[in-house]
Amino acid sequence: MDISIWGEYVWVFLILIVLEGVLSADNAVVMAVIVKKLPHEQQRKALFYGLVGAFVFRLIAMLIISYLVNFWEIQAIGAMYLLYLAMKHIWDKRKGKDKGEKEEKTAKPTSFWGTVARVELTDIAFALDSMLAAAALVVTLPALGTYEIGGMNAGQFTVMFLGGLAGLIVIRFAATQVVKLLERYPTLETAAFLIVGWVGVKMAVLTLANPQVGILPESFPSSAGWEITFWAVMIILGLGGYIIARKKEKQKG
């Protein structure tokens, strides 16, 4: 077999790893926020079990990706859920100032398996854009062999599958690092929830630009203006929260 074909496959695989990493950066932040309320020794387990479930979903979704493209409702639900998380955190913070520490003592413990389910649902909501982008990329590859998996050449499907698997590994370790950062700087949590809300806005934009909804132009989510705006706000929220958290830490010290 022509070595240039293998070269193409390796190149696309590396692109998919980078693509998954970039598209999953906000996913890692959301997952870190979700598992943070669990006891420290359960956080890694929740991420692991949640992503195992997400892996199973991704495998099934890849086989029926042409069908999933019509599910703009999944993105809409994901957007509402993330915005709810952000608003609930801000509301709880304001209530906490009035009620003091009493609310902390009477708060119900976070369910481990409930958290695992939330991690899985979060990845499902986020995975659609990366899987669709990956599918669009691998179909440009030359066919490798004569076998097919689902409606795709086996070689193309394998590259897409391995790229998605690499993306989950990236999410797993990125989320762990975010959790550690939130533990070191507790006041950074509000900034993290603001980022979660902003990601919810991103998913709302994707929903509104879906051809079946048609409120925004279909090309808007991938336009340079929106991409620059989204990442600029992400960076501002992250850096701003980090700077404020450092200042508060110095004041306490």
Protein backbone atom coordinates (compact mmCIF):
# COMPACT_ATOMS: atom_id res chain seq x y z
CA MET A 1 0.00 0.00 0.00
CA ASP A 2 1.19 3.51 -0.84
CA ILE A 3 2.99 5.01 2.16
CA SER A 4 1.46 8.40 1.33
CA ILE A 5 -1.97 7.02 2.28
CA TRP A 6 -0.66 6.02 5.72
CA GLY A 7 0.86 9.47 5.98
CA GLU A 8 -2.54 11.04 5.33
CA TYR A 9 -4.14 8.88 7.98
CA VAL A 10 -1.49 9.73 10.58
CA TRP A 11 -1.78 13.44 9.77
CA VAL A 12 -5.58 13.44 10.08
CA PHE A 13 -5.32 11.50 13.35
CA LEU A 14 -2.99 14.17 14.79
CA ILE A 15 -5.38 16.89 13.61
CA LEU A 16 -8.26 15.08 15.32
CA ILE A 17 -6.35 14.98 18.62
CA VAL A 18 -5.77 18.74 18.44
CA LEU A 19 -9.38 19.31 17.32
CA GLU A 20 -10.74 17.24 20.21
CA GLY A 21 -8.46 19.07 22.64
CA VAL A 22 -9.60 22.51 21.48
CA LEU A 23 -13.29 21.62 21.29
CA SER A 24 -13.11 19.87 24.67
CA ALA A 25 -11.39 22.67 26.60
CA ASP A 26 -14.70 24.13 27.77
CA ASN A 27 -16.02 20.60 28.36
CA ALA A 28 -13.22 19.94 30.86
CA VAL A 29 -14.08 23.10 32.82
CA VAL A 30 -17.76 22.13 33.06
CA MET A 31 -16.92 18.58 34.21
CA ALA A 32 -14.48 19.90 36.81
CA VAL A 33 -17.18 22.15 38.24
CA ILE A 34 -19.63 19.22 38.36
CA VAL A 35 -17.32 16.84 40.28
CA LYS A 36 -15.82 19.48 42.58
CA LYS A 37 -18.55 19.08 45.21
CA LEU A 38 -17.73 15.42 45.72
CA PRO A 39 -15.19 14.31 48.37
CA HIS A 40 -11.66 14.49 46.97
CA GLU A 41 -11.20 10.71 46.81
CA GLN A 42 -14.38 10.34 44.70
CA GLN A 43 -13.66 13.06 42.14
CA ARG A 44 -11.30 10.99 39.96
CA LYS A 45 -13.66 8.00 40.09
CA ALA A 46 -16.64 10.13 39.04
CA LEU A 47 -14.70 11.49 36.08
CA PHE A 48 -13.52 8.00 35.13
CA TYR A 49 -16.95 6.32 35.31
CA GLY A 50 -18.63 9.28 33.65
CA LEU A 51 -16.20 9.23 30.74
CA VAL A 52 -16.50 5.45 30.38
CA GLY A 53 -20.24 5.97 29.87
CA ALA A 54 -19.44 8.83 27.49
CA PHE A 55 -17.10 6.53 25.55
CA VAL A 56 -19.91 4.00 25.03
CA PHE A 57 -22.19 6.80 23.85
CA ARG A 58 -19.59 8.13 21.43
CA LEU A 59 -19.06 4.70 19.92
CA ILE A 60 -22.81 4.29 19.33
CA ALA A 61 -23.12 7.90 18.12
CA MET A 62 -20.34 7.43 15.58
CA LEU A 63 -22.25 4.52 14.08
CA ILE A 64 -25.40 6.63 13.68
CA ILE A 65 -23.76 10.04 13.18
CA SER A 66 -25.82 10.81 10.07
CA TYR A 67 -28.95 10.43 12.20
CA LEU A 68 -27.67 12.45 15.16
CA VAL A 69 -27.08 15.51 13.02
CA ASN A 70 -30.83 16.19 13.17
CA PHE A 71 -30.92 16.33 16.99
CA TRP A 72 -30.67 20.06 17.54
CA GLU A 73 -32.85 19.44 20.61
CA ILE A 74 -29.87 17.83 22.39
CA GLN A 75 -27.84 21.01 21.99
CA ALA A 76 -30.80 23.11 23.14
CA ILE A 77 -31.18 21.02 26.30
CA GLY A 78 -27.44 21.21 26.91
CA ALA A 79 -27.47 25.00 26.54
CA MET A 80 -30.34 25.40 29.01
CA TYR A 81 -28.69 23.04 31.49
CA LEU A 82 -25.37 24.90 31.46
CA LEU A 83 -27.06 28.28 31.81
CA TYR A 84 -29.08 26.83 34.71
CA LEU A 85 -25.87 25.68 36.44
CA ALA A 86 -24.33 29.14 36.15
CA MET A 87 -27.41 31.02 37.34
CA LYS A 88 -28.02 28.58 40.19
CA HIS A 89 -24.45 29.03 41.45
CA ILE A 90 -24.74 32.83 41.42
CA TRP A 91 -28.14 32.64 43.14
CA ASP A 92 -26.82 30.26 45.80
CA LYS A 93 -23.85 32.55 46.42
CA ARG A 94 -26.17 35.49 47.03
CA LYS A 95 -28.37 33.43 49.34
CA GLY A 96 -25.26 32.23 51.16
CA LYS A 97 -24.30 35.80 52.06
CA ASP A 98 -27.62 36.25 53.81
CA LYS A 99 -27.86 32.86 55.51
CA GLY A 100 -24.18 32.52 56.47
CA GLU A 101 -22.77 29.09 57.13
CA LYS A 102 -26.05 27.54 58.24
CA GLU A 103 -26.93 26.55 54.69
CA GLU A 104 -23.57 24.79 54.25
CA LYS A 105 -24.21 22.63 57.30
CA THR A 106 -27.71 21.64 56.25
CA ALA A 107 -26.91 21.10 52.55
CA LYS A 108 -27.58 17.60 51.23
CA PRO A 109 -24.48 15.60 50.26
CA THR A 110 -23.80 15.31 46.54
CA SER A 111 -24.74 11.93 45.06
CA PHE A 112 -21.78 10.08 43.53
CA TRP A 113 -23.75 8.29 40.81
CA GLY A 114 -25.84 11.40 40.21
CA THR A 115 -22.59 13.25 39.54
CA VAL A 116 -21.43 10.46 37.21
CA ALA A 117 -24.68 10.78 35.26
CA ARG A 118 -24.21 14.56 35.00
CA VAL A 119 -20.67 14.05 33.66
CA GLU A 120 -22.02 11.64 31.02
CA LEU A 121 -24.85 13.99 29.99
CA THR A 122 -22.42 16.90 29.77
CA ASP A 123 -20.11 14.98 27.44
CA ILE A 124 -23.06 13.89 25.31
CA ALA A 125 -24.12 17.52 24.90
CA PHE A 126 -20.58 18.58 24.00
CA ALA A 127 -19.60 15.60 21.87
CA LEU A 128 -21.90 16.31 18.93
CA ASP A 129 -19.90 19.18 17.43
CA SER A 130 -16.54 17.39 17.74
CA MET A 131 -17.91 14.11 16.31
CA LEU A 132 -19.54 15.86 13.37
CA ALA A 133 -16.33 17.80 12.67
CA ALA A 134 -14.32 14.57 12.89
CA ALA A 135 -16.70 12.76 10.52
CA ALA A 136 -16.45 15.60 8.00
CA LEU A 137 -12.66 15.39 8.19
CA VAL A 138 -12.16 11.62 7.88
CA VAL A 139 -14.49 11.16 4.90
CA THR A 140 -11.92 13.11 2.84
CA LEU A 141 -9.40 10.29 3.41
CA PRO A 142 -8.90 7.64 0.72
CA ALA A 143 -10.57 4.32 1.49
CA LEU A 144 -8.35 1.85 3.34
CA GLY A 145 -9.37 -1.71 2.45
CA THR A 146 -12.82 -2.83 1.37
CA TYR A 147 -14.49 -3.30 4.75
CA GLU A 148 -17.05 -0.90 6.15
CA ILE A 149 -18.18 -0.03 9.70
CA GLY A 150 -21.61 1.55 9.77
CA GLY A 151 -21.86 3.66 6.63
CA MET A 152 -18.14 4.48 6.49
CA ASN A 153 -14.96 2.82 5.29
CA ALA A 154 -13.37 0.83 8.13
CA GLY A 155 -10.10 2.78 7.93
CA GLN A 156 -11.89 6.13 8.09
CA PHE A 157 -14.09 5.00 10.99
CA THR A 158 -11.07 3.67 12.92
CA VAL A 159 -9.27 7.01 12.66
CA MET A 160 -12.40 8.86 13.81
CA PHE A 161 -12.84 6.42 16.69
CA LEU A 162 -9.21 6.69 17.85
CA GLY A 163 -9.37 10.49 17.61
CA GLY A 164 -12.49 10.53 19.80
CA LEU A 165 -10.81 8.19 22.30
CA ALA A 166 -7.78 10.49 22.48
CA GLY A 167 -10.15 13.41 23.06
CA LEU A 168 -11.70 11.67 26.07
CA ILE A 169 -8.24 11.08 27.54
CA VAL A 170 -7.45 14.78 27.08
CA ILE A 171 -10.73 15.73 28.82
CA ARG A 172 -10.01 13.35 31.70
CA PHE A 173 -6.64 14.86 32.55
CA ALA A 174 -7.62 18.46 31.75
CA ALA A 175 -10.64 18.22 34.07
CA THR A 176 -8.43 16.83 36.86
CA GLN A 177 -6.08 19.81 36.57
CA VAL A 178 -9.00 22.25 36.62
CA VAL A 179 -10.32 20.60 39.81
CA LYS A 180 -6.90 21.08 41.46
CA LEU A 181 -6.89 24.74 40.43
CA LEU A 182 -10.37 25.28 41.90
CA GLU A 183 -9.26 23.64 45.15
CA ARG A 184 -6.22 25.90 45.39
CA TYR A 185 -8.20 29.06 44.59
CA PRO A 186 -11.79 28.56 45.87
CA THR A 187 -12.92 32.02 44.75
CA LEU A 188 -12.07 30.97 41.19
CA GLU A 189 -15.21 28.82 41.27
CA THR A 190 -17.47 31.76 40.40
CA ALA A 191 -15.34 32.51 37.34
CA ALA A 192 -15.59 28.83 36.39
CA PHE A 193 -19.38 28.97 36.60
CA LEU A 194 -19.42 32.13 34.50
CA ILE A 195 -17.41 30.21 31.91
CA VAL A 196 -19.96 27.39 32.15
CA GLY A 197 -22.73 29.91 31.46
CA TRP A 198 -20.79 31.36 28.54
CA VAL A 199 -20.37 27.86 27.10
CA GLY A 200 -24.15 27.52 27.45
CA VAL A 201 -24.46 30.63 25.28
CA LYS A 202 -22.17 28.93 22.73
CA MET A 203 -24.43 25.89 22.62
CA ALA A 204 -27.49 28.14 22.32
CA VAL A 205 -25.85 29.79 19.29
CA LEU A 206 -25.27 26.35 17.73
CA THR A 207 -28.94 25.52 18.31
CA LEU A 208 -30.21 28.78 16.84
CA ALA A 209 -27.99 28.30 13.77
CA ASN A 210 -29.24 24.77 13.13
CA PRO A 211 -30.95 24.64 9.70
CA GLN A 212 -34.10 23.26 11.33
CA VAL A 213 -34.30 26.28 13.65
CA GLY A 214 -32.95 28.92 11.27
CA ILE A 215 -32.89 31.91 13.63
CA LEU A 216 -29.19 32.54 13.00
CA PRO A 217 -27.29 31.92 9.73
CA GLU A 218 -25.95 28.35 9.56
CA SER A 219 -22.42 29.67 9.05
CA PHE A 220 -22.49 31.98 12.08
CA PRO A 221 -21.09 29.55 14.73
CA SER A 222 -17.99 28.91 12.58
CA SER A 223 -17.52 32.55 11.54
CA ALA A 224 -14.28 34.27 12.50
CA GLY A 225 -16.15 37.04 14.35
CA TRP A 226 -18.03 34.67 16.63
CA GLU A 227 -15.01 32.41 17.23
CA ILE A 228 -12.84 35.39 18.22
CA THR A 229 -15.60 36.78 20.47
CA PHE A 230 -16.19 33.43 22.17
CA TRP A 231 -12.53 32.73 22.95
CA ALA A 232 -11.82 36.34 23.92
CA VAL A 233 -14.59 36.23 26.53
CA MET A 234 -13.39 32.81 27.71
CA ILE A 235 -9.87 34.16 28.23
CA ILE A 236 -11.12 37.32 29.95
CA LEU A 237 -13.30 35.31 32.35
CA GLY A 238 -10.50 32.83 33.10
CA LEU A 239 -7.69 35.34 33.56
CA GLY A 240 -9.92 37.83 35.36
CA GLY A 241 -11.10 35.18 37.80
CA TYR A 242 -7.55 33.96 38.38
CA ILE A 243 -6.23 37.48 39.08
CA ILE A 244 -9.06 38.21 41.52
CA ALA A 245 -8.54 34.83 43.23
CA ARG A 246 -4.79 35.51 43.65
CA LYS A 247 -5.49 38.93 45.13
CA LYS A 248 -7.97 37.49 47.65
CA GLU A 249 -5.49 34.78 48.58
CA LYS A 250 -2.80 37.41 49.29
CA GLN A 251 -5.25 39.46 51.36
CA LYS A 252 -6.06 36.40 53.49
CA GLY A 253 -2.36 35.61 53.87
